[in-house]
C-alpha cells in the first residue's frame, strides 16, 4: 500500500512538472505529449484532479506578481485565491474529461474529444470563460501541425495533439491508426496557406517600457512623459504611416487628450497614431472604458472599446465584491464593456485591435479580424514582469495570427513586442524590459 501511494505521488509530481514546463517560457512544448500519454495510465479521479491542480497552480503562479507586488494583496490570501482558480479550472478540465472518459468505459478514442470538450466549456463559462493553458496553443511550435490552426482553430489542434500523444497505443490497436489518419486527413482541404497583406505600408510599434509601479503612480507617470516624447521623436524620423502604442499608454485619459495630450496630437500630424487610452464617460454614472483611439491630423477619427473585460482585473463579478477590500488595485469603479466587436479605420487600412486578454478568445479575434487588413494587439504585461504569463500571452498571439492568416503586431508596454507573421513566426522583436521601437514595412 505505501509503495502504491508513493507511486501515485511520484506520478503526480513528475506529470505536473511536465505540464508546467510545456507551457513555461522555456518553450519545451514537446513535454505535453508524454504528459497526456501518462494520464491515460491512471484510471483514478483523485490522481487526475491532483495532477490538474498542481499543473495549473504552477502554470498560473505568475498571477501573484499582479496581486501582491502591484495589487497590495496579503500574500496568503493571494495564494489562496490562485489555488481556488487552479482548483476550479482543474475540476472542469481534468475532472470533467476523466468522468466522460469513465462513462465511455475508458475508451481511448473518446478521451481526446472529452478533453477538448472541456476546453471549449471552460473557455466560455463562467464570466466569459478562461481560455488559458489550452493544449492546442502549443501546436504553434510544431511545423507540420500549426497549419491546422487555420483549418479548425485551437480546439482542433488540442484534439490532434491528443491523438499524437496516444500513438503508442497503435501498436495494440488496429482501429486507432485508421482513426488517427482520418482525423489528420479531414481538415487538410480547409488549411489556408495564402494570406493577404496591406499594400505598401510602414508601421511602427512603440515599446515605452514604463514600469508598472510608475504607471500606478500618476505623478511619476507624468514625470516619465518627456522620455515618451523623446522616443516618439525618434520614431517619427523613420517616417512611418502608422504608429501603434500599447494599452493605457498615457497617464491622461481620452477626455484630457486635447489639453494634456497636445503633444501627442501634434505628432499625429506626422503619422496616424493608434494608442490605448482609458476613456471616462460621464452620464448618469461615471463609466470608464478601456479603449483604443485612432488619432490623425490632430483629431480622433475612430475608437474601439474593449468588449471582453478581465474578471478581477477590470471588474469584480458577483458575488466577489469583497475582493475590492482585499486588493487596492481593483477597489475602484468597474470598467464598462464595449458594445460591439469592430475594426478601427486609420484612413489607410482597417485594423483589428483586441486589447490584452481579448487575444485569448478564438471566436472574438476571428470576428474582429474578418474586417481587418492586419491585427494589432495592444497590451500591458508589466503587471506580470518577465514571468511565464508574459510569454504564455505572446504564444496566444502567435496562435491567433495563424488561425486568421494575418500579420499580427504585438504591442506591449514592457515587452516583448513583436511582428508576427501569418505563419506564427516572430519576424521582429523588442525583448522584455527595453525601451525602443520596431519599424515594419508590409
Protein backbone atom coordinates (compact mmCIF):
# COMPACT_ATOMS: atom_id res chain seq x y z
CA UNK A 1 0.00 0.00 0.00
CA UNK A 2 2.73 2.54 0.87
CA UNK A 3 4.52 1.65 -2.40
CA UNK A 4 1.35 2.30 -4.41
CA UNK A 5 0.83 5.63 -2.65
CA UNK A 6 4.45 6.61 -3.32
CA UNK A 7 3.99 5.66 -6.97
CA UNK A 8 0.91 7.91 -7.20
CA UNK A 9 2.67 10.82 -5.54
CA UNK A 10 5.71 10.42 -7.81
CA UNK A 11 3.48 10.35 -10.86
CA UNK A 12 1.59 13.47 -9.80
CA UNK A 13 4.80 15.41 -9.20
CA UNK A 14 6.51 14.33 -12.43
CA UNK A 15 3.39 14.82 -14.57
CA UNK A 16 2.71 18.26 -13.06
CA UNK A 17 6.25 19.38 -13.81
CA UNK A 18 5.89 18.16 -17.41
CA UNK A 19 2.70 20.18 -17.85
CA UNK A 20 4.23 23.27 -16.24
CA UNK A 21 7.38 23.21 -18.38
CA UNK A 22 5.31 22.63 -21.54
CA UNK A 23 3.57 25.99 -21.01
CA UNK A 24 6.51 27.84 -19.45
CA UNK A 25 8.61 30.47 -21.17
CA UNK A 26 11.26 27.79 -21.75
CA UNK A 27 9.17 26.59 -24.74
CA UNK A 28 9.73 22.85 -24.13
CA UNK A 29 6.27 22.23 -25.60
CA UNK A 30 7.02 18.62 -26.58
CA UNK A 31 6.69 17.52 -22.94
CA UNK A 32 2.93 17.82 -23.36
CA UNK A 33 2.90 14.60 -25.41
CA UNK A 34 4.32 12.28 -22.72
CA UNK A 35 2.22 14.16 -20.15
CA UNK A 36 -1.01 13.34 -22.00
CA UNK A 37 0.08 9.75 -22.58
CA UNK A 38 0.93 9.25 -18.89
CA UNK A 39 -2.53 10.47 -17.87
CA UNK A 40 -4.07 7.52 -19.70
CA UNK A 41 -2.16 5.10 -17.46
CA UNK A 42 -4.10 6.17 -14.38
CA UNK A 43 -7.78 5.36 -14.08
CA UNK A 44 -8.10 7.27 -10.85
CA UNK A 45 -10.11 10.51 -10.50
CA UNK A 46 -8.11 11.67 -7.46
CA UNK A 47 -4.84 11.32 -9.36
CA UNK A 48 -6.23 13.28 -12.30
CA UNK A 49 -7.60 16.06 -10.09
CA UNK A 50 -4.44 16.42 -8.04
CA UNK A 51 -2.27 16.41 -11.15
CA UNK A 52 -4.52 19.02 -12.73
CA UNK A 53 -4.49 21.23 -9.66
CA UNK A 54 -0.70 21.21 -9.27
CA UNK A 55 -0.15 21.63 -13.03
CA UNK A 56 -2.42 24.66 -13.31
CA UNK A 57 -1.38 26.21 -10.00
CA UNK A 58 2.28 26.12 -11.04
CA UNK A 59 1.48 27.43 -14.53
CA UNK A 60 -0.57 30.35 -13.15
CA UNK A 61 1.64 31.19 -10.18
CA UNK A 62 2.82 34.32 -12.02
CA UNK A 63 -0.55 35.92 -11.19
CA UNK A 64 0.87 36.56 -7.71
CA UNK A 65 3.01 39.41 -9.12
CA UNK A 66 -0.05 41.49 -10.03
CA UNK A 67 -1.90 40.52 -6.85
CA UNK A 68 0.89 41.06 -4.32
CA UNK A 69 3.53 43.37 -5.82
CA UNK A 70 1.12 45.75 -7.55
CA UNK A 71 -2.27 44.90 -6.06
CA UNK A 72 -1.15 45.23 -2.46
CA UNK A 73 -2.70 41.91 -1.51
CA UNK A 74 -1.82 39.91 1.60
CA UNK A 75 0.33 37.02 0.25
CA UNK A 76 -1.52 34.12 1.96
CA UNK A 77 -4.84 35.44 0.63
CA UNK A 78 -3.36 35.87 -2.87
CA UNK A 79 -2.01 32.32 -2.88
CA UNK A 80 -5.36 31.01 -1.67
CA UNK A 81 -7.20 32.78 -4.49
CA UNK A 82 -4.76 31.42 -7.09
CA UNK A 83 -5.27 27.96 -5.59
CA UNK A 84 -9.06 28.37 -5.87
CA UNK A 85 -8.72 29.39 -9.52
CA UNK A 86 -6.45 26.42 -10.22
CA UNK A 87 -8.85 24.07 -8.45
CA UNK A 88 -11.87 25.31 -10.40
CA UNK A 89 -10.08 25.03 -13.75
CA UNK A 90 -8.68 21.59 -12.87
CA UNK A 91 -12.10 20.35 -11.75
CA UNK A 92 -13.64 21.22 -15.12
CA UNK A 93 -10.69 20.35 -17.36
CA UNK A 94 -9.24 17.27 -15.68
CA UNK A 95 -12.22 16.10 -13.65
CA UNK A 96 -14.75 16.64 -16.44
CA UNK A 97 -12.60 14.92 -19.06
CA UNK A 98 -11.94 11.99 -16.76
CA UNK A 99 -15.62 11.44 -15.97
CA UNK A 100 -16.58 11.50 -19.65
CA UNK A 101 -13.79 9.01 -20.33
CA UNK A 102 -15.01 6.81 -17.50
CA UNK A 103 -18.58 6.91 -18.86
CA UNK A 104 -17.21 5.53 -22.13
CA UNK A 105 -15.68 2.64 -20.17
CA UNK A 106 -12.24 4.12 -20.69
CA UNK A 107 -12.39 4.06 -24.47
CA UNK A 108 -9.20 5.83 -25.56
CA UNK A 109 -10.82 7.12 -28.73
CA UNK A 110 -13.24 9.12 -26.59
CA UNK A 111 -10.59 10.78 -24.41
CA UNK A 112 -9.29 13.37 -26.93
CA UNK A 113 -12.84 14.52 -27.61
CA UNK A 114 -13.70 14.61 -23.90
CA UNK A 115 -10.66 16.75 -23.11
CA UNK A 116 -11.33 19.14 -25.98
CA UNK A 117 -14.99 19.47 -25.00
CA UNK A 118 -13.90 20.57 -21.52
CA UNK A 119 -11.55 23.13 -23.06
CA UNK A 120 -14.42 24.59 -25.03
CA UNK A 121 -16.63 24.63 -21.92
CA UNK A 122 -14.16 26.40 -19.65
CA UNK A 123 -13.29 28.86 -22.42
CA UNK A 124 -16.89 30.04 -22.37
CA UNK A 125 -18.15 29.83 -18.77
CA UNK A 126 -18.31 31.38 -16.25
CA UNK A 127 -17.73 35.13 -16.63
CA UNK A 128 -16.85 34.76 -20.28
CA UNK A 129 -14.59 31.77 -19.66
CA UNK A 130 -10.88 31.19 -19.03
CA UNK A 131 -9.24 30.16 -22.34
CA UNK A 132 -5.75 29.84 -20.90
CA UNK A 133 -3.41 26.83 -20.94
CA UNK A 134 -5.21 25.15 -23.82
CA UNK A 135 -3.25 22.19 -25.20
CA UNK A 136 -3.84 23.30 -28.79
CA UNK A 137 -1.88 26.53 -28.40
CA UNK A 138 1.34 24.51 -28.16
CA UNK A 139 0.81 23.39 -31.77
CA UNK A 140 2.06 26.78 -32.96
CA UNK A 141 5.56 25.45 -32.25
CA UNK A 142 5.11 22.35 -34.42
CA UNK A 143 5.97 22.96 -38.10
CA UNK A 144 3.64 20.40 -39.69
CA UNK A 145 0.83 20.79 -37.16
CA UNK A 146 0.46 24.56 -36.74
CA UNK A 147 -1.16 24.97 -40.17
CA UNK A 148 -4.17 23.08 -38.82
CA UNK A 149 -4.88 26.17 -36.70
CA UNK A 150 -6.14 27.88 -39.84
CA UNK A 151 -8.42 24.91 -40.60
CA UNK A 152 -10.19 24.48 -37.29
CA UNK A 153 -8.55 26.70 -34.71
CA UNK A 154 -7.04 25.93 -31.36
CA UNK A 155 -9.55 23.25 -30.35
CA UNK A 156 -8.87 21.16 -33.45
CA UNK A 157 -5.18 21.26 -32.58
CA UNK A 158 -5.90 20.19 -28.99
CA UNK A 159 -7.63 17.16 -30.45
CA UNK A 160 -4.76 16.40 -32.82
CA UNK A 161 -2.08 16.74 -30.13
CA UNK A 162 -4.02 14.26 -28.01
CA UNK A 163 -4.15 11.84 -30.93
CA UNK A 164 -0.39 12.22 -31.40
CA UNK A 165 0.14 11.52 -27.71
CA UNK A 166 -1.85 8.29 -28.00
CA UNK A 167 0.12 6.87 -30.94
CA UNK A 168 1.92 4.28 -28.74
CA UNK A 169 -1.46 2.55 -28.46
CA UNK A 170 -1.46 2.00 -32.22
CA UNK A 171 0.84 -0.97 -31.62
CA UNK A 172 -2.01 -2.71 -29.79
CA UNK A 173 -4.99 -1.50 -31.82
CA UNK A 174 -5.94 -1.97 -35.45
CA UNK A 175 -8.59 0.76 -35.28
CA UNK A 176 -6.52 3.57 -33.75
CA UNK A 177 -4.14 4.15 -36.73
CA UNK A 178 -7.15 4.49 -39.04
CA UNK A 179 -8.89 6.97 -36.71
CA UNK A 180 -5.67 8.99 -36.37
CA UNK A 181 -5.13 9.05 -40.14
CA UNK A 182 -8.70 10.18 -40.84
CA UNK A 183 -8.54 12.81 -38.07
CA UNK A 184 -5.49 14.43 -39.65
CA UNK A 185 -6.74 13.99 -43.21
CA UNK A 186 -10.24 15.52 -42.97
CA UNK A 187 -9.13 19.09 -42.10
CA UNK A 188 -6.45 19.24 -44.85
CA UNK A 189 -8.71 20.82 -47.54
CA UNK A 190 -9.57 23.60 -45.07
CA UNK A 191 -5.99 24.61 -44.32
CA UNK A 192 -5.38 28.16 -45.52
CA UNK A 193 -1.88 28.80 -46.78
CA UNK A 194 -2.42 32.06 -48.64
CA UNK A 195 -2.78 35.36 -46.86
CA UNK A 196 -3.43 38.93 -47.78
CA UNK A 197 -1.45 41.87 -46.53
CA UNK A 198 -1.90 45.61 -46.86
CA UNK A 199 -0.37 47.45 -49.77
CA UNK A 200 2.82 49.40 -49.18
CA UNK A 201 2.56 50.50 -45.55
CA UNK A 202 5.17 51.39 -42.95
CA UNK A 203 4.10 50.72 -39.35
CA UNK A 204 6.00 51.49 -36.14
CA UNK A 205 5.45 49.62 -32.86
CA UNK A 206 6.49 51.53 -29.76
CA UNK A 207 7.58 49.84 -26.53
CA UNK A 208 7.96 52.60 -23.90
CA UNK A 209 8.90 50.20 -21.07
CA UNK A 210 7.09 52.10 -18.33
CA UNK A 211 7.37 50.00 -15.17
CA UNK A 212 4.07 49.18 -13.52
CA UNK A 213 4.97 50.93 -10.28
CA UNK A 214 5.39 54.13 -12.33
CA UNK A 215 2.09 53.63 -14.19
CA UNK A 216 0.29 53.20 -10.87
CA UNK A 217 1.75 56.46 -9.57
CA UNK A 218 0.19 59.25 -11.64
CA UNK A 219 2.78 61.85 -10.64
CA UNK A 220 5.65 59.51 -11.53
CA UNK A 221 3.95 58.63 -14.82
CA UNK A 222 3.69 62.31 -15.77
CA UNK A 223 7.39 62.72 -14.96
CA UNK A 224 8.11 59.97 -17.47
CA UNK A 225 6.37 61.81 -20.34
CA UNK A 226 9.49 63.67 -21.59
CA UNK A 227 11.10 60.26 -22.22
CA UNK A 228 7.95 59.24 -24.09
CA UNK A 229 8.08 62.31 -26.35
CA UNK A 230 11.78 61.72 -26.99
CA UNK A 231 11.01 58.16 -28.08
CA UNK A 232 8.20 59.33 -30.37
CA UNK A 233 10.51 61.94 -31.88
CA UNK A 234 12.94 59.16 -32.82
CA UNK A 235 10.08 57.11 -34.28
CA UNK A 236 8.85 59.99 -36.46
CA UNK A 237 12.29 60.32 -38.08
CA UNK A 238 11.60 56.91 -39.68
CA UNK A 239 8.55 58.46 -41.43
CA UNK A 240 6.05 55.69 -40.61
CA UNK A 241 2.48 55.79 -41.88
CA UNK A 242 1.06 54.44 -38.60
CA UNK A 243 2.49 54.43 -35.06
CA UNK A 244 0.99 51.95 -32.58
CA UNK A 245 1.32 52.41 -28.81
CA UNK A 246 0.39 49.97 -26.02
CA UNK A 247 -2.59 49.65 -23.70
CA UNK A 248 -3.38 52.64 -21.42
CA UNK A 249 -0.25 54.24 -22.79
CA UNK A 250 -0.50 57.63 -21.07
CA UNK A 251 -1.37 58.99 -17.61
CA UNK A 252 -4.13 61.18 -19.02
CA UNK A 253 -7.47 59.78 -20.16
CA UNK A 254 -9.17 60.35 -23.51
CA UNK A 255 -11.17 63.32 -22.26
CA UNK A 256 -7.90 65.14 -21.46
CA UNK A 257 -6.37 64.46 -24.84
CA UNK A 258 -6.94 67.97 -26.21
CA UNK A 259 -5.35 69.53 -23.12
CA UNK A 260 -2.68 67.33 -21.56
CA UNK A 261 -2.14 65.30 -24.73
CA UNK A 262 -1.49 68.21 -27.07
CA UNK A 263 1.99 66.96 -27.91
CA UNK A 264 0.53 63.61 -28.96
CA UNK A 265 -1.96 65.42 -31.20
CA UNK A 266 0.91 67.29 -32.85
CA UNK A 267 2.74 64.01 -33.56
CA UNK A 268 -0.45 62.71 -35.17
CA UNK A 269 0.08 65.31 -37.93
CA UNK A 270 3.22 63.41 -38.94
CA UNK A 271 1.78 59.87 -38.71
CA UNK A 272 -1.51 58.28 -37.75
CA UNK A 273 -1.36 57.21 -34.10
CA UNK A 274 -3.18 54.19 -32.71
CA UNK A 275 -2.99 54.13 -28.92
CA UNK A 276 -4.60 52.66 -25.86
CA UNK A 277 -6.27 55.18 -23.55
CA UNK A 278 -8.65 54.98 -20.63
CA UNK A 279 -11.84 56.80 -21.57
CA UNK A 280 -14.00 58.13 -18.74
CA UNK A 281 -17.51 58.96 -19.94
CA UNK A 282 -19.89 60.82 -17.68
CA UNK A 283 -23.65 60.43 -17.96
CA UNK A 284 -25.94 59.33 -15.19
CA UNK A 285 -22.92 57.43 -13.85
CA UNK A 286 -19.18 57.60 -14.34
CA UNK A 287 -18.29 54.93 -16.91
CA UNK A 288 -14.64 54.07 -17.55
CA UNK A 289 -13.75 52.18 -20.74
CA UNK A 290 -10.51 50.51 -21.77
CA UNK A 291 -10.23 51.76 -25.35
CA UNK A 292 -8.13 52.16 -28.47
CA UNK A 293 -8.14 55.53 -30.22
CA UNK A 294 -7.04 56.45 -33.74
CA UNK A 295 -5.64 59.98 -33.92
CA UNK A 296 -4.90 61.60 -37.27
CA UNK A 297 -4.05 65.20 -38.13
CA UNK A 298 -4.75 66.35 -34.59
CA UNK A 299 -8.20 64.73 -34.31
CA UNK A 300 -9.67 61.46 -33.03
CA UNK A 301 -11.13 59.70 -36.07
CA UNK A 302 -12.11 56.30 -34.65
CA UNK A 303 -12.09 54.18 -31.50
CA UNK A 304 -12.71 50.67 -30.16
CA UNK A 305 -13.92 49.80 -26.65
CA UNK A 306 -12.71 46.57 -25.08
CA UNK A 307 -15.53 44.03 -25.03
CA UNK A 308 -14.19 41.10 -23.04
CA UNK A 309 -13.12 42.54 -19.70
CA UNK A 310 -10.78 40.70 -17.37
CA UNK A 311 -12.57 39.46 -14.21
CA UNK A 312 -10.90 40.85 -11.06
CA UNK A 313 -8.59 42.95 -13.23
CA UNK A 314 -11.11 45.32 -14.80
CA UNK A 315 -14.28 44.42 -12.96
CA UNK A 316 -15.24 42.31 -9.96
CA UNK A 317 -18.03 39.83 -10.76
CA UNK A 318 -20.82 38.84 -8.41
CA UNK A 319 -20.53 37.54 -5.69
CA UNK A 320 -16.88 38.51 -5.14
CA UNK A 321 -17.21 42.22 -4.41
CA UNK A 322 -15.49 41.64 -1.07
CA UNK A 323 -12.22 41.27 -3.04
CA UNK A 324 -12.17 45.05 -3.52
CA UNK A 325 -11.40 45.39 0.17
CA UNK A 326 -8.52 42.92 -0.09
CA UNK A 327 -6.77 44.31 -3.17
CA UNK A 328 -6.37 48.06 -3.57
CA UNK A 329 -5.79 47.91 -7.34
CA UNK A 330 -9.35 46.65 -8.00
CA UNK A 331 -11.07 48.78 -5.39
CA UNK A 332 -12.32 51.47 -7.75
CA UNK A 333 -15.14 51.68 -10.25
CA UNK A 334 -15.60 48.68 -12.54
CA UNK A 335 -14.85 49.17 -16.21
CA UNK A 336 -17.71 49.06 -18.70
CA UNK A 337 -17.54 46.63 -21.66
CA UNK A 338 -17.82 47.83 -25.25
CA UNK A 339 -20.98 47.09 -27.18
CA UNK A 340 -19.67 45.57 -30.42
CA UNK A 341 -16.62 43.93 -31.99
CA UNK A 342 -15.37 46.29 -34.69
CA UNK A 343 -12.22 47.29 -36.51
CA UNK A 344 -10.79 50.79 -36.37
CA UNK A 345 -10.23 52.71 -39.57
CA UNK A 346 -6.92 54.55 -39.81
CA UNK A 347 -7.67 56.15 -43.16
CA UNK A 348 -5.18 53.84 -44.87
CA UNK A 349 -6.30 50.44 -43.54
CA UNK A 350 -8.73 48.73 -41.18
CA UNK A 351 -7.12 47.26 -38.08
CA UNK A 352 -8.43 44.74 -35.54
CA UNK A 353 -7.29 45.92 -32.11
CA UNK A 354 -8.08 43.33 -29.43
CA UNK A 355 -6.91 44.62 -26.07
CA UNK A 356 -4.80 42.47 -23.75
CA UNK A 357 -6.77 39.42 -22.51
CA UNK A 358 -9.10 39.61 -25.54
CA UNK A 359 -6.42 37.91 -27.64
CA UNK A 360 -7.14 34.73 -25.67
CA UNK A 361 -10.58 34.37 -27.24
CA UNK A 362 -10.58 32.45 -30.51
CA UNK A 363 -14.05 33.50 -31.73
CA UNK A 364 -13.73 37.14 -30.69
CA UNK A 365 -10.46 37.63 -32.57
CA UNK A 366 -11.95 35.73 -35.51
CA UNK A 367 -14.83 38.21 -35.67
CA UNK A 368 -12.55 41.20 -35.28
CA UNK A 369 -10.07 40.04 -37.90
CA UNK A 370 -12.78 39.46 -40.53
CA UNK A 371 -12.88 43.22 -41.18
CA UNK A 372 -9.14 43.83 -40.77
CA UNK A 373 -6.11 44.20 -43.02
CA UNK A 374 -3.98 43.17 -40.05
CA UNK A 375 -4.29 42.63 -36.29
CA UNK A 376 -2.65 44.85 -33.67
CA UNK A 377 -2.97 43.61 -30.09
CA UNK A 378 -2.22 46.32 -27.55
CA UNK A 379 -1.37 45.14 -24.07
CA UNK A 380 0.49 45.89 -20.87
CA UNK A 381 2.16 42.82 -19.40
CA UNK A 382 4.16 44.95 -17.00
CA UNK A 383 1.73 43.57 -14.39
CA UNK A 384 3.45 40.17 -14.76
CA UNK A 385 7.06 41.26 -15.36
CA UNK A 386 9.36 38.72 -17.05
CA UNK A 387 7.29 35.73 -15.92
CA UNK A 388 5.77 32.72 -17.66
CA UNK A 389 2.50 34.63 -18.01
CA UNK A 390 4.03 37.24 -20.29
CA UNK A 391 5.24 34.56 -22.71
CA UNK A 392 2.07 32.47 -22.46
CA UNK A 393 0.25 35.61 -23.59
CA UNK A 394 2.63 36.11 -26.52
CA UNK A 395 2.18 32.48 -27.58
CA UNK A 396 -1.57 33.05 -27.79
CA UNK A 397 -0.94 35.96 -30.16
CA UNK A 398 1.09 33.67 -32.42
CA UNK A 399 -1.84 31.21 -32.42
CA UNK A 400 -4.29 33.96 -33.44
CA UNK A 401 -2.00 35.03 -36.30
CA UNK A 402 -2.04 31.51 -37.79
CA UNK A 403 -5.75 30.96 -37.19
CA UNK A 404 -6.61 34.13 -39.09
CA UNK A 405 -3.72 34.06 -41.59
CA UNK A 406 -2.93 37.70 -40.94
CA UNK A 407 0.06 39.64 -39.73
CA UNK A 408 -0.27 40.37 -36.03
CA UNK A 409 1.53 43.21 -34.28
CA UNK A 410 2.07 42.55 -30.57
CA UNK A 411 2.39 45.96 -28.91
CA UNK A 412 3.43 45.51 -25.29
CA UNK A 413 4.33 48.22 -22.76
CA UNK A 414 7.28 46.44 -21.14
CA UNK A 415 7.77 43.80 -23.80
CA UNK A 416 8.38 41.70 -25.51
CA UNK A 417 6.80 43.42 -28.52
CA UNK A 418 6.82 41.72 -31.88
CA UNK A 419 5.77 41.48 -35.50
CA UNK A 420 4.25 38.03 -36.01
CA UNK A 421 3.79 36.58 -39.48
CA UNK A 422 0.64 34.72 -40.66
CA UNK A 423 2.59 31.50 -40.08
CA UNK A 424 3.12 32.35 -36.40
CA UNK A 425 6.80 33.23 -36.68
CA UNK A 426 8.25 36.24 -34.88
CA UNK A 427 9.71 38.39 -37.66
CA UNK A 428 10.95 41.28 -35.50
CA UNK A 429 11.05 41.63 -31.73
CA UNK A 430 11.94 44.00 -28.91
CA UNK A 431 12.96 41.93 -25.85
CA UNK A 432 11.36 42.33 -22.46
CA UNK A 433 12.46 45.33 -20.40
CA UNK A 434 13.85 47.52 -23.18
CA UNK A 435 12.64 50.88 -24.44
CA UNK A 436 12.52 51.09 -28.20
CA UNK A 437 10.53 50.64 -31.37
CA UNK A 438 10.17 48.42 -34.40
CA UNK A 439 9.53 49.70 -37.92
CA UNK A 440 7.97 47.16 -40.27
CA UNK A 441 7.03 47.56 -43.92
CA UNK A 442 4.25 45.39 -45.32
